[in-house]
N, C-alpha and C. Protein backbone atom coordinates (compact mmCIF):
# COMPACT_ATOMS: atom_id res chain seq x y z
N PRO A 1 103.19 4.95 41.78
CA PRO A 1 102.04 4.61 42.64
C PRO A 1 102.31 5.07 44.08
N SER A 2 101.30 5.55 44.74
CA SER A 2 101.44 6.04 46.11
C SER A 2 101.53 4.89 47.08
N LEU A 3 102.30 5.09 48.15
CA LEU A 3 102.46 4.06 49.17
C LEU A 3 101.29 4.09 50.14
N PRO A 4 100.99 2.96 50.73
CA PRO A 4 99.96 2.94 51.78
C PRO A 4 100.39 3.84 52.93
N PRO A 5 99.45 4.44 53.63
CA PRO A 5 99.80 5.34 54.75
C PRO A 5 100.77 4.73 55.75
N LYS A 6 100.60 3.43 56.03
CA LYS A 6 101.48 2.79 57.02
C LYS A 6 102.91 2.74 56.53
N ASN A 7 103.10 2.35 55.23
CA ASN A 7 104.46 2.28 54.68
C ASN A 7 105.07 3.67 54.53
N ARG A 8 104.22 4.65 54.16
CA ARG A 8 104.72 6.01 53.97
C ARG A 8 105.22 6.58 55.30
N ASN A 9 104.50 6.36 56.38
CA ASN A 9 104.93 6.85 57.70
C ASN A 9 106.24 6.18 58.13
N SER A 10 106.36 4.89 57.83
CA SER A 10 107.58 4.16 58.17
C SER A 10 108.78 4.72 57.41
N LEU A 11 108.56 5.03 56.11
CA LEU A 11 109.64 5.59 55.31
C LEU A 11 110.07 6.96 55.82
N LEU A 12 109.09 7.79 56.23
CA LEU A 12 109.41 9.12 56.75
C LEU A 12 110.20 9.02 58.05
N ARG A 13 109.81 8.04 58.90
CA ARG A 13 110.55 7.86 60.16
C ARG A 13 111.99 7.43 59.90
N SER A 14 112.18 6.57 58.91
CA SER A 14 113.53 6.11 58.58
C SER A 14 114.39 7.25 58.06
N GLN A 15 113.80 8.09 57.19
CA GLN A 15 114.54 9.24 56.66
C GLN A 15 114.90 10.21 57.78
N SER A 16 113.94 10.40 58.70
CA SER A 16 114.21 11.31 59.81
C SER A 16 115.33 10.79 60.70
N THR A 17 115.32 9.46 60.94
CA THR A 17 116.37 8.86 61.76
C THR A 17 117.74 9.00 61.11
N LEU A 18 117.80 8.76 59.79
CA LEU A 18 119.06 8.90 59.07
C LEU A 18 119.57 10.33 59.12
N THR A 19 118.65 11.29 58.98
CA THR A 19 119.05 12.69 59.02
C THR A 19 119.62 13.06 60.38
N MET A 20 118.97 12.58 61.46
CA MET A 20 119.46 12.89 62.81
C MET A 20 120.82 12.26 63.06
N LYS A 21 121.01 11.01 62.54
CA LYS A 21 122.30 10.35 62.72
C LYS A 21 123.40 11.10 61.97
N ALA A 22 123.08 11.53 60.76
CA ALA A 22 124.07 12.28 59.99
C ALA A 22 124.44 13.58 60.68
N PHE A 23 123.43 14.24 61.24
CA PHE A 23 123.68 15.50 61.95
C PHE A 23 124.55 15.26 63.18
N ALA A 24 124.27 14.16 63.89
CA ALA A 24 125.05 13.84 65.09
C ALA A 24 126.51 13.55 64.74
N VAL A 25 126.71 12.77 63.66
CA VAL A 25 128.07 12.45 63.23
C VAL A 25 128.82 13.72 62.83
N ALA A 26 128.14 14.61 62.08
CA ALA A 26 128.77 15.85 61.66
C ALA A 26 129.14 16.72 62.86
N THR A 27 128.26 16.73 63.86
CA THR A 27 128.54 17.52 65.07
C THR A 27 129.75 16.97 65.81
N LEU A 28 129.80 15.63 65.95
CA LEU A 28 130.94 15.02 66.64
C LEU A 28 132.24 15.28 65.92
N LEU A 29 132.20 15.21 64.58
CA LEU A 29 133.41 15.46 63.81
C LEU A 29 133.87 16.90 63.96
N SER A 30 132.92 17.83 63.99
CA SER A 30 133.31 19.23 64.13
C SER A 30 133.90 19.51 65.49
N VAL A 31 133.34 18.87 66.54
CA VAL A 31 133.88 19.05 67.90
C VAL A 31 135.26 18.42 68.00
N ALA A 32 135.41 17.23 67.42
CA ALA A 32 136.70 16.55 67.49
C ALA A 32 137.78 17.32 66.77
N SER A 33 137.41 17.97 65.67
CA SER A 33 138.41 18.72 64.91
C SER A 33 138.97 19.88 65.69
N ALA A 34 138.18 20.40 66.64
CA ALA A 34 138.66 21.52 67.45
C ALA A 34 139.80 21.11 68.36
N PHE A 35 139.87 19.81 68.70
CA PHE A 35 140.91 19.33 69.58
C PHE A 35 142.00 18.56 68.84
N SER A 36 141.90 18.48 67.54
CA SER A 36 142.91 17.77 66.77
C SER A 36 144.16 18.63 66.67
N PRO A 37 145.35 18.02 66.59
CA PRO A 37 146.59 18.81 66.50
C PRO A 37 146.64 19.61 65.23
N LEU A 38 147.24 20.80 65.33
CA LEU A 38 147.38 21.64 64.17
C LEU A 38 148.41 21.07 63.23
N PRO A 39 148.26 21.30 61.95
CA PRO A 39 149.26 20.79 61.01
C PRO A 39 150.61 21.44 61.25
N THR A 40 151.67 20.68 61.07
CA THR A 40 153.01 21.21 61.26
C THR A 40 153.31 22.26 60.21
N PRO A 41 153.71 23.48 60.61
CA PRO A 41 153.97 24.51 59.62
C PRO A 41 155.15 24.16 58.74
N SER A 42 155.11 24.63 57.53
CA SER A 42 156.20 24.39 56.60
C SER A 42 157.40 25.23 56.99
N ARG A 43 158.54 24.95 56.37
CA ARG A 43 159.75 25.70 56.68
C ARG A 43 159.57 27.17 56.36
N THR A 44 158.89 27.48 55.27
CA THR A 44 158.70 28.88 54.89
C THR A 44 157.89 29.62 55.93
N THR A 45 156.81 28.95 56.41
CA THR A 45 155.97 29.59 57.41
C THR A 45 156.74 29.82 58.70
N SER A 46 157.52 28.82 59.12
CA SER A 46 158.26 28.93 60.36
C SER A 46 159.29 30.05 60.30
N LEU A 47 160.04 30.11 59.22
CA LEU A 47 161.08 31.13 59.12
C LEU A 47 160.49 32.51 58.92
N GLY A 48 159.21 32.56 58.52
CA GLY A 48 158.58 33.86 58.32
C GLY A 48 157.83 34.34 59.54
N ALA A 49 158.02 33.66 60.69
CA ALA A 49 157.31 34.03 61.90
C ALA A 49 157.72 35.42 62.35
N THR A 50 156.74 36.16 62.87
CA THR A 50 157.00 37.53 63.29
C THR A 50 156.72 37.77 64.77
N GLY A 51 155.96 36.85 65.40
CA GLY A 51 155.55 37.08 66.78
C GLY A 51 154.20 37.75 66.87
N PHE A 52 153.60 38.03 65.73
CA PHE A 52 152.29 38.68 65.71
C PHE A 52 151.30 37.85 64.89
N GLU A 53 151.49 36.52 64.87
CA GLU A 53 150.63 35.67 64.05
C GLU A 53 149.17 35.74 64.48
N GLU A 54 148.92 35.99 65.78
CA GLU A 54 147.54 36.03 66.27
C GLU A 54 146.76 37.22 65.72
N VAL A 55 147.45 38.22 65.22
CA VAL A 55 146.77 39.41 64.70
C VAL A 55 147.10 39.62 63.23
N GLY A 56 147.29 38.51 62.51
CA GLY A 56 147.47 38.62 61.07
C GLY A 56 148.90 38.70 60.60
N GLY A 57 149.87 38.56 61.50
CA GLY A 57 151.26 38.55 61.09
C GLY A 57 151.98 39.88 61.19
N SER A 58 151.25 40.95 61.44
CA SER A 58 151.89 42.26 61.58
C SER A 58 151.35 42.94 62.84
N PHE A 59 152.19 43.73 63.49
CA PHE A 59 151.76 44.35 64.74
C PHE A 59 150.80 45.50 64.49
N TRP A 60 150.01 45.80 65.51
CA TRP A 60 148.97 46.82 65.42
C TRP A 60 149.59 48.19 65.67
N ASP A 61 149.65 48.99 64.67
CA ASP A 61 150.28 50.30 64.77
C ASP A 61 149.54 51.30 63.88
N PRO A 62 148.27 51.61 64.21
CA PRO A 62 147.48 52.50 63.34
C PRO A 62 148.05 53.91 63.23
N LEU A 63 148.77 54.36 64.25
CA LEU A 63 149.36 55.71 64.20
C LEU A 63 150.75 55.71 63.56
N GLU A 64 151.22 54.51 63.19
CA GLU A 64 152.53 54.36 62.56
C GLU A 64 153.65 54.96 63.41
N LEU A 65 153.55 54.73 64.72
CA LEU A 65 154.59 55.25 65.62
C LEU A 65 155.93 54.58 65.36
N SER A 66 155.88 53.34 64.87
CA SER A 66 157.13 52.63 64.60
C SER A 66 157.87 53.22 63.40
N LYS A 67 157.22 54.08 62.66
CA LYS A 67 157.84 54.64 61.46
C LYS A 67 158.21 56.11 61.64
N LEU A 68 158.14 56.60 62.88
CA LEU A 68 158.50 57.99 63.12
C LEU A 68 159.93 58.27 62.65
N GLY A 69 160.09 59.33 61.96
CA GLY A 69 161.39 59.66 61.41
C GLY A 69 161.52 59.23 59.97
N LYS A 70 160.61 58.35 59.54
CA LYS A 70 160.63 57.88 58.16
C LYS A 70 159.38 58.33 57.40
N ASN A 71 158.29 58.46 58.13
CA ASN A 71 157.04 58.84 57.45
C ASN A 71 156.74 60.34 57.56
N ILE A 72 157.55 61.06 58.34
CA ILE A 72 157.39 62.50 58.44
C ILE A 72 158.78 63.16 58.40
N ASP A 73 158.81 64.41 58.06
CA ASP A 73 160.08 65.13 57.95
C ASP A 73 160.52 65.59 59.34
N THR A 74 161.61 65.02 59.84
CA THR A 74 162.13 65.37 61.16
C THR A 74 163.63 65.56 61.07
N PHE A 75 164.22 65.93 62.21
CA PHE A 75 165.67 66.03 62.28
C PHE A 75 166.27 64.63 62.17
N PRO A 76 167.47 64.50 61.62
CA PRO A 76 168.12 63.18 61.51
C PRO A 76 168.27 62.52 62.88
N SER A 77 167.93 61.25 62.95
CA SER A 77 168.06 60.44 64.18
C SER A 77 167.28 61.02 65.35
N MET A 78 166.17 61.69 65.04
CA MET A 78 165.36 62.26 66.11
C MET A 78 164.57 61.16 66.83
N PHE A 79 164.19 60.12 66.09
CA PHE A 79 163.45 59.00 66.67
C PHE A 79 164.25 57.71 66.49
N PRO A 80 164.09 56.76 67.42
CA PRO A 80 164.88 55.52 67.34
C PRO A 80 164.46 54.64 66.17
N ASP A 81 165.43 53.92 65.63
CA ASP A 81 165.17 52.97 64.57
C ASP A 81 164.57 51.70 65.15
N ALA A 82 164.01 50.85 64.28
CA ALA A 82 163.41 49.60 64.72
C ALA A 82 164.41 48.71 65.45
N GLN A 83 165.70 48.80 65.10
CA GLN A 83 166.71 48.01 65.79
C GLN A 83 166.74 48.33 67.28
N PHE A 84 166.70 49.61 67.58
CA PHE A 84 166.76 50.06 68.97
C PHE A 84 165.50 49.62 69.73
N VAL A 85 164.35 49.78 69.09
CA VAL A 85 163.08 49.43 69.74
C VAL A 85 162.99 47.93 70.01
N LYS A 86 163.42 47.12 69.04
CA LYS A 86 163.36 45.67 69.23
C LYS A 86 164.32 45.22 70.31
N GLU A 87 165.52 45.80 70.33
CA GLU A 87 166.48 45.47 71.38
C GLU A 87 165.91 45.81 72.76
N ALA A 88 165.25 46.98 72.85
CA ALA A 88 164.68 47.41 74.12
C ALA A 88 163.56 46.47 74.57
N GLU A 89 162.73 46.04 73.62
CA GLU A 89 161.62 45.15 73.98
C GLU A 89 162.15 43.81 74.49
N ILE A 90 163.12 43.25 73.79
CA ILE A 90 163.68 41.95 74.20
C ILE A 90 164.34 42.07 75.57
N LYS A 91 165.11 43.15 75.77
CA LYS A 91 165.83 43.32 77.04
C LYS A 91 164.86 43.50 78.20
N HIS A 92 163.85 44.34 78.02
CA HIS A 92 162.90 44.56 79.11
C HIS A 92 162.03 43.32 79.35
N GLY A 93 161.77 42.54 78.30
CA GLY A 93 161.05 41.29 78.49
C GLY A 93 161.85 40.33 79.35
N ARG A 94 163.16 40.26 79.10
CA ARG A 94 164.02 39.39 79.91
C ARG A 94 164.07 39.86 81.36
N MET A 95 164.14 41.16 81.55
CA MET A 95 164.15 41.70 82.91
C MET A 95 162.85 41.36 83.64
N ALA A 96 161.73 41.47 82.92
CA ALA A 96 160.44 41.18 83.54
C ALA A 96 160.31 39.70 83.88
N MET A 97 160.83 38.83 83.01
CA MET A 97 160.79 37.39 83.30
C MET A 97 161.64 37.07 84.53
N LEU A 98 162.80 37.72 84.64
CA LEU A 98 163.65 37.52 85.81
C LEU A 98 162.96 38.03 87.08
N ALA A 99 162.30 39.19 86.97
CA ALA A 99 161.59 39.75 88.12
C ALA A 99 160.43 38.85 88.54
N TRP A 100 159.68 38.34 87.57
CA TRP A 100 158.55 37.47 87.89
C TRP A 100 159.03 36.18 88.55
N THR A 101 160.16 35.67 88.08
CA THR A 101 160.74 34.47 88.70
C THR A 101 161.10 34.75 90.15
N GLY A 102 161.67 35.94 90.39
CA GLY A 102 162.02 36.31 91.77
C GLY A 102 160.81 36.42 92.67
N CYS A 103 159.67 36.81 92.10
CA CYS A 103 158.45 36.95 92.91
C CYS A 103 157.97 35.60 93.41
N TRP A 104 157.82 34.62 92.50
CA TRP A 104 157.26 33.35 92.97
C TRP A 104 158.31 32.48 93.66
N ALA A 105 159.60 32.75 93.40
CA ALA A 105 160.65 31.94 94.03
C ALA A 105 160.79 32.26 95.51
N THR A 106 160.32 33.43 95.94
CA THR A 106 160.45 33.83 97.35
C THR A 106 159.09 33.94 98.04
N CYS A 107 158.05 33.41 97.42
CA CYS A 107 156.71 33.54 97.98
C CYS A 107 156.08 32.17 98.16
N ASN A 108 155.51 31.92 99.34
CA ASN A 108 154.86 30.63 99.60
C ASN A 108 153.34 30.76 99.70
N THR A 109 152.82 31.90 99.26
CA THR A 109 151.37 32.08 99.24
C THR A 109 150.84 31.80 97.84
N GLY A 110 149.57 32.11 97.62
CA GLY A 110 148.97 31.89 96.31
C GLY A 110 149.64 32.66 95.21
N LEU A 111 150.26 33.80 95.55
CA LEU A 111 150.95 34.59 94.53
C LEU A 111 152.06 33.79 93.87
N GLY A 112 152.72 32.94 94.64
CA GLY A 112 153.81 32.15 94.10
C GLY A 112 153.36 30.88 93.40
N LEU A 113 152.05 30.61 93.41
CA LEU A 113 151.50 29.43 92.73
C LEU A 113 152.16 28.14 93.21
N GLY A 114 152.64 28.15 94.46
CA GLY A 114 153.23 26.94 95.03
C GLY A 114 154.60 26.60 94.47
N MET A 115 155.31 27.58 93.90
CA MET A 115 156.61 27.29 93.28
C MET A 115 157.77 27.89 94.04
N HIS A 116 157.61 28.09 95.34
CA HIS A 116 158.70 28.61 96.15
C HIS A 116 159.90 27.67 96.09
N LEU A 117 161.08 28.24 95.87
CA LEU A 117 162.29 27.43 95.77
C LEU A 117 162.86 27.13 97.15
N PRO A 118 163.09 25.88 97.47
CA PRO A 118 163.66 25.53 98.78
C PRO A 118 165.00 26.22 98.99
N GLY A 119 165.19 26.75 100.18
CA GLY A 119 166.43 27.44 100.51
C GLY A 119 166.36 28.93 100.27
N PHE A 120 165.36 29.37 99.53
CA PHE A 120 165.18 30.81 99.31
C PHE A 120 164.39 31.40 100.46
N PRO A 121 164.58 32.68 100.76
CA PRO A 121 163.80 33.30 101.84
C PRO A 121 162.33 33.35 101.49
N VAL A 122 161.51 33.42 102.51
CA VAL A 122 160.07 33.52 102.33
C VAL A 122 159.65 34.97 102.57
N GLU A 123 159.15 35.63 101.53
CA GLU A 123 158.74 37.02 101.64
C GLU A 123 157.49 37.23 100.78
N PRO A 124 156.29 37.22 101.41
CA PRO A 124 155.05 37.37 100.65
C PRO A 124 154.95 38.70 99.91
N ASP A 125 155.58 39.76 100.44
CA ASP A 125 155.54 41.07 99.80
C ASP A 125 156.63 41.14 98.73
N PHE A 126 156.23 41.11 97.48
CA PHE A 126 157.23 41.04 96.41
C PHE A 126 158.10 42.29 96.34
N THR A 127 157.63 43.41 96.88
CA THR A 127 158.45 44.63 96.86
C THR A 127 159.62 44.54 97.83
N LYS A 128 159.57 43.59 98.75
CA LYS A 128 160.64 43.42 99.72
C LYS A 128 161.44 42.15 99.47
N ALA A 129 161.07 41.41 98.43
CA ALA A 129 161.68 40.10 98.19
C ALA A 129 163.16 40.20 97.86
N PHE A 130 163.54 41.17 97.04
CA PHE A 130 164.94 41.27 96.66
C PHE A 130 165.82 41.62 97.85
N GLY A 131 165.33 42.50 98.73
CA GLY A 131 166.09 42.84 99.93
C GLY A 131 166.27 41.64 100.83
N ALA A 132 165.20 40.83 100.98
CA ALA A 132 165.30 39.63 101.81
C ALA A 132 166.26 38.62 101.19
N PHE A 133 166.21 38.50 99.87
CA PHE A 133 167.08 37.55 99.18
C PHE A 133 168.55 38.00 99.30
N ALA A 134 168.79 39.30 99.13
CA ALA A 134 170.16 39.82 99.23
C ALA A 134 170.73 39.62 100.63
N ALA A 135 169.88 39.73 101.64
CA ALA A 135 170.35 39.57 103.01
C ALA A 135 170.73 38.13 103.32
N GLU A 136 169.98 37.17 102.77
CA GLU A 136 170.23 35.76 103.06
C GLU A 136 171.15 35.08 102.06
N GLN A 137 171.20 35.60 100.84
CA GLN A 137 172.02 34.99 99.80
C GLN A 137 172.90 36.05 99.14
N PRO A 138 173.85 36.64 99.86
CA PRO A 138 174.66 37.72 99.29
C PRO A 138 175.52 37.28 98.10
N ALA A 139 176.07 36.07 98.15
CA ALA A 139 176.92 35.60 97.06
C ALA A 139 176.12 35.42 95.77
N MET A 140 174.94 34.81 95.88
CA MET A 140 174.12 34.61 94.70
C MET A 140 173.60 35.95 94.17
N THR A 141 173.30 36.88 95.08
CA THR A 141 172.86 38.20 94.66
C THR A 141 173.95 38.90 93.87
N ALA A 142 175.20 38.79 94.34
CA ALA A 142 176.32 39.39 93.63
C ALA A 142 176.49 38.77 92.25
N ALA A 143 176.30 37.46 92.15
CA ALA A 143 176.43 36.78 90.86
C ALA A 143 175.36 37.24 89.88
N VAL A 144 174.13 37.38 90.38
CA VAL A 144 173.03 37.85 89.53
C VAL A 144 173.29 39.27 89.04
N LEU A 145 173.71 40.15 89.95
CA LEU A 145 173.97 41.54 89.58
C LEU A 145 175.15 41.65 88.61
N THR A 146 176.16 40.79 88.79
CA THR A 146 177.30 40.79 87.87
C THR A 146 176.87 40.40 86.47
N PHE A 147 176.06 39.35 86.38
CA PHE A 147 175.58 38.91 85.07
C PHE A 147 174.73 40.00 84.41
N ILE A 148 173.86 40.64 85.19
CA ILE A 148 173.02 41.71 84.64
C ILE A 148 173.89 42.86 84.16
N SER A 149 174.93 43.18 84.91
CA SER A 149 175.82 44.29 84.54
C SER A 149 176.53 44.00 83.22
N ILE A 150 177.00 42.77 83.06
CA ILE A 150 177.69 42.39 81.81
C ILE A 150 176.73 42.47 80.63
N ALA A 151 175.54 41.91 80.81
CA ALA A 151 174.55 41.91 79.74
C ALA A 151 174.12 43.34 79.40
N GLU A 152 173.91 44.14 80.42
CA GLU A 152 173.48 45.52 80.19
C GLU A 152 174.59 46.32 79.53
N GLY A 153 175.83 46.12 79.96
CA GLY A 153 176.95 46.85 79.36
C GLY A 153 177.13 46.50 77.90
N GLU A 154 176.97 45.22 77.57
CA GLU A 154 177.09 44.81 76.17
C GLU A 154 175.98 45.43 75.33
N SER A 155 174.79 45.50 75.89
CA SER A 155 173.65 46.06 75.15
C SER A 155 173.80 47.57 74.95
N VAL A 156 174.20 48.25 76.02
CA VAL A 156 174.36 49.71 75.94
C VAL A 156 175.45 50.09 74.94
N GLY A 157 176.47 49.25 74.82
CA GLY A 157 177.56 49.55 73.90
C GLY A 157 177.11 49.67 72.46
N TRP A 158 175.96 49.10 72.12
CA TRP A 158 175.44 49.17 70.76
C TRP A 158 174.28 50.15 70.62
N SER A 159 173.94 50.84 71.69
CA SER A 159 172.74 51.67 71.68
C SER A 159 172.78 52.75 70.59
N GLY A 160 173.93 53.41 70.44
CA GLY A 160 174.02 54.48 69.44
C GLY A 160 173.76 53.99 68.03
N ASP A 161 174.41 52.89 67.66
CA ASP A 161 174.21 52.33 66.33
C ASP A 161 172.79 51.80 66.16
N ASN A 162 172.25 51.19 67.23
CA ASN A 162 170.87 50.70 67.16
C ASN A 162 169.90 51.86 66.94
N PHE A 163 170.14 52.95 67.64
CA PHE A 163 169.24 54.11 67.55
C PHE A 163 169.19 54.64 66.13
N ARG A 164 170.33 54.64 65.45
CA ARG A 164 170.40 55.16 64.08
C ARG A 164 170.12 54.10 63.03
N GLY A 165 169.92 52.85 63.46
CA GLY A 165 169.65 51.78 62.50
C GLY A 165 170.87 51.35 61.73
N LYS A 166 172.06 51.53 62.28
CA LYS A 166 173.29 51.18 61.59
C LYS A 166 174.05 50.05 62.27
N SER A 167 173.40 49.37 63.20
CA SER A 167 174.07 48.32 63.95
C SER A 167 174.17 47.04 63.14
N THR A 168 175.28 46.33 63.33
CA THR A 168 175.46 45.03 62.70
C THR A 168 175.10 43.90 63.66
N LYS A 169 174.68 44.26 64.86
CA LYS A 169 174.34 43.29 65.89
C LYS A 169 172.86 42.93 65.80
N GLU A 170 172.56 41.67 65.92
CA GLU A 170 171.17 41.23 65.92
C GLU A 170 170.54 41.59 67.27
N PRO A 171 169.38 42.26 67.27
CA PRO A 171 168.74 42.64 68.54
C PRO A 171 168.54 41.44 69.46
N GLY A 172 168.96 41.57 70.70
CA GLY A 172 168.81 40.50 71.67
C GLY A 172 169.98 39.55 71.78
N ASP A 173 170.90 39.58 70.82
CA ASP A 173 172.05 38.67 70.83
C ASP A 173 173.17 39.30 71.66
N LEU A 174 173.43 38.74 72.82
CA LEU A 174 174.45 39.27 73.72
C LEU A 174 175.82 38.66 73.49
N GLY A 175 175.88 37.69 72.59
CA GLY A 175 177.17 37.06 72.32
C GLY A 175 177.70 36.25 73.48
N LEU A 176 176.81 35.69 74.30
CA LEU A 176 177.23 34.95 75.49
C LEU A 176 177.08 33.44 75.32
N ASP A 177 176.97 32.98 74.08
CA ASP A 177 176.80 31.54 73.83
C ASP A 177 178.18 30.88 73.75
N PHE A 178 178.84 30.77 74.91
CA PHE A 178 180.19 30.23 74.95
C PHE A 178 180.25 28.75 74.61
N LEU A 179 179.15 28.04 74.83
CA LEU A 179 179.13 26.60 74.57
C LEU A 179 178.71 26.28 73.14
N GLY A 180 178.36 27.29 72.38
CA GLY A 180 177.96 27.07 70.99
C GLY A 180 176.65 26.33 70.83
N LEU A 181 175.75 26.48 71.80
CA LEU A 181 174.47 25.76 71.74
C LEU A 181 173.60 26.25 70.59
N LYS A 182 173.68 27.54 70.30
CA LYS A 182 172.85 28.10 69.23
C LYS A 182 173.20 27.51 67.88
N GLY A 183 174.49 27.23 67.68
CA GLY A 183 174.92 26.68 66.40
C GLY A 183 174.43 25.27 66.16
N LYS A 184 173.99 24.59 67.22
CA LYS A 184 173.51 23.22 67.09
C LYS A 184 172.03 23.15 66.74
N LEU A 185 171.36 24.31 66.75
CA LEU A 185 169.92 24.34 66.47
C LEU A 185 169.67 24.53 64.98
N SER A 186 168.57 23.98 64.52
CA SER A 186 168.17 24.21 63.13
C SER A 186 167.62 25.63 63.00
N ASP A 187 167.51 26.11 61.77
CA ASP A 187 166.97 27.45 61.55
C ASP A 187 165.54 27.56 62.07
N ASP A 188 164.76 26.48 61.92
CA ASP A 188 163.38 26.49 62.40
C ASP A 188 163.33 26.69 63.92
N LYS A 189 164.17 25.95 64.65
CA LYS A 189 164.16 26.05 66.10
C LYS A 189 164.67 27.41 66.56
N LYS A 190 165.65 27.96 65.87
CA LYS A 190 166.14 29.28 66.24
C LYS A 190 165.03 30.31 66.15
N GLU A 191 164.29 30.29 65.05
CA GLU A 191 163.20 31.24 64.86
C GLU A 191 162.10 31.01 65.89
N ARG A 192 161.83 29.74 66.17
CA ARG A 192 160.77 29.43 67.14
C ARG A 192 161.13 29.95 68.53
N TYR A 193 162.38 29.72 68.95
CA TYR A 193 162.80 30.16 70.27
C TYR A 193 162.79 31.69 70.38
N LYS A 194 163.10 32.37 69.29
CA LYS A 194 163.04 33.84 69.31
C LYS A 194 161.62 34.31 69.58
N ILE A 195 160.65 33.69 68.89
CA ILE A 195 159.26 34.08 69.07
C ILE A 195 158.77 33.71 70.47
N VAL A 196 159.18 32.53 70.96
CA VAL A 196 158.78 32.11 72.30
C VAL A 196 159.29 33.10 73.35
N GLU A 197 160.55 33.49 73.22
CA GLU A 197 161.12 34.45 74.18
C GLU A 197 160.42 35.79 74.10
N LEU A 198 160.13 36.25 72.88
CA LEU A 198 159.49 37.54 72.69
C LEU A 198 158.10 37.56 73.34
N LYS A 199 157.32 36.50 73.11
CA LYS A 199 155.96 36.46 73.64
C LYS A 199 155.94 36.28 75.15
N ASN A 200 156.83 35.45 75.68
CA ASN A 200 156.89 35.28 77.13
C ASN A 200 157.39 36.54 77.81
N GLY A 201 158.29 37.27 77.14
CA GLY A 201 158.74 38.54 77.69
C GLY A 201 157.61 39.56 77.75
N ARG A 202 156.79 39.62 76.71
CA ARG A 202 155.65 40.52 76.71
C ARG A 202 154.68 40.17 77.83
N LEU A 203 154.42 38.86 77.98
CA LEU A 203 153.52 38.42 79.05
C LEU A 203 154.07 38.77 80.42
N ALA A 204 155.39 38.61 80.60
CA ALA A 204 156.00 38.93 81.89
C ALA A 204 155.93 40.42 82.18
N MET A 205 156.09 41.25 81.16
CA MET A 205 155.98 42.71 81.37
C MET A 205 154.57 43.08 81.81
N ILE A 206 153.56 42.45 81.18
CA ILE A 206 152.18 42.70 81.58
C ILE A 206 151.95 42.21 83.01
N ALA A 207 152.52 41.05 83.35
CA ALA A 207 152.36 40.49 84.69
C ALA A 207 152.96 41.41 85.75
N MET A 208 154.17 41.91 85.50
CA MET A 208 154.80 42.79 86.48
C MET A 208 154.05 44.12 86.60
N ALA A 209 153.57 44.64 85.47
CA ALA A 209 152.77 45.86 85.54
C ALA A 209 151.50 45.64 86.36
N SER A 210 150.91 44.44 86.23
CA SER A 210 149.72 44.11 87.01
C SER A 210 150.04 44.02 88.50
N LEU A 211 151.21 43.46 88.83
CA LEU A 211 151.60 43.37 90.24
C LEU A 211 151.76 44.75 90.86
N PHE A 212 152.42 45.64 90.14
CA PHE A 212 152.62 46.99 90.69
C PHE A 212 151.29 47.75 90.79
N ALA A 213 150.42 47.54 89.82
CA ALA A 213 149.10 48.19 89.89
C ALA A 213 148.30 47.65 91.07
N TRP A 214 148.37 46.34 91.26
CA TRP A 214 147.65 45.71 92.37
C TRP A 214 148.19 46.19 93.72
N LYS A 215 149.50 46.39 93.80
CA LYS A 215 150.10 46.84 95.04
C LYS A 215 149.80 48.31 95.31
N SER A 216 149.76 49.12 94.26
CA SER A 216 149.56 50.56 94.42
C SER A 216 148.09 50.94 94.55
N ILE A 217 147.22 50.22 93.85
CA ILE A 217 145.79 50.55 93.85
C ILE A 217 145.01 49.31 94.27
N PRO A 218 144.67 49.18 95.52
CA PRO A 218 143.95 47.99 95.99
C PRO A 218 142.68 47.74 95.18
N GLY A 219 142.51 46.49 94.77
CA GLY A 219 141.31 46.13 94.02
C GLY A 219 141.42 46.35 92.53
N SER A 220 142.55 46.90 92.06
CA SER A 220 142.69 47.19 90.63
C SER A 220 142.89 45.92 89.80
N VAL A 221 143.37 44.85 90.43
CA VAL A 221 143.56 43.57 89.74
C VAL A 221 142.82 42.51 90.54
N PRO A 222 141.52 42.34 90.29
CA PRO A 222 140.71 41.42 91.10
C PRO A 222 141.25 39.99 91.15
N LEU A 223 141.88 39.53 90.08
CA LEU A 223 142.39 38.17 90.06
C LEU A 223 143.46 37.95 91.13
N MET A 224 144.24 38.98 91.41
CA MET A 224 145.29 38.84 92.42
C MET A 224 144.69 38.64 93.80
N ASP A 225 143.51 39.20 94.05
CA ASP A 225 142.88 39.02 95.35
C ASP A 225 142.50 37.56 95.56
N VAL A 226 142.25 36.84 94.46
CA VAL A 226 141.92 35.42 94.57
C VAL A 226 143.14 34.62 95.00
N PHE A 227 144.32 34.94 94.41
CA PHE A 227 145.53 34.20 94.70
C PHE A 227 146.08 34.51 96.09
N THR A 228 145.80 35.68 96.60
CA THR A 228 146.36 36.04 97.90
C THR A 228 145.32 36.03 99.00
């Protein structure tokens, strides 16, 4: 039997209200899920980390430049092996992180993001910061250069084997863990720290390249004009 018009309109309004409430709840749940913590990765996922998870787990190399010497017929050892390339990336990433630290540690303007270290010289021009630091802190400068020399010498000593892919040394491992801190870490944390260092090194290299571009070509990095 059909409902009276008054009851039918009331039923339609109730159904409409329920539909709107359900839609609102679904919307709130979807928004909340965007801010919910990600599930903890399993041990297999963690140990399988590559540093390229944002792009599907493998690096973008459409020209297969990383396979030169293996995918085409060339002279033996004409192109560097992946060991050499990975060692170079890690080393240059560390250098860039050290350089970026030197920039904000000696700058009290927006470029330094307010992180100037007390006792360090103040030099807004990052191209002159090392000279100012060396003049005011000669002992610390000597210590930094000594450490860099040791690390660089250890790395260069393996360059030939790395280039040919015959090295037994893990890329980036300088053997300077005198306190045995690495041995106290779980396998998961070791892999995580490797990826963290790799990604921060890449970011630091991009940052330093941006600084030099901004210094050489005015206006080439608009964001830097905001900070300075």
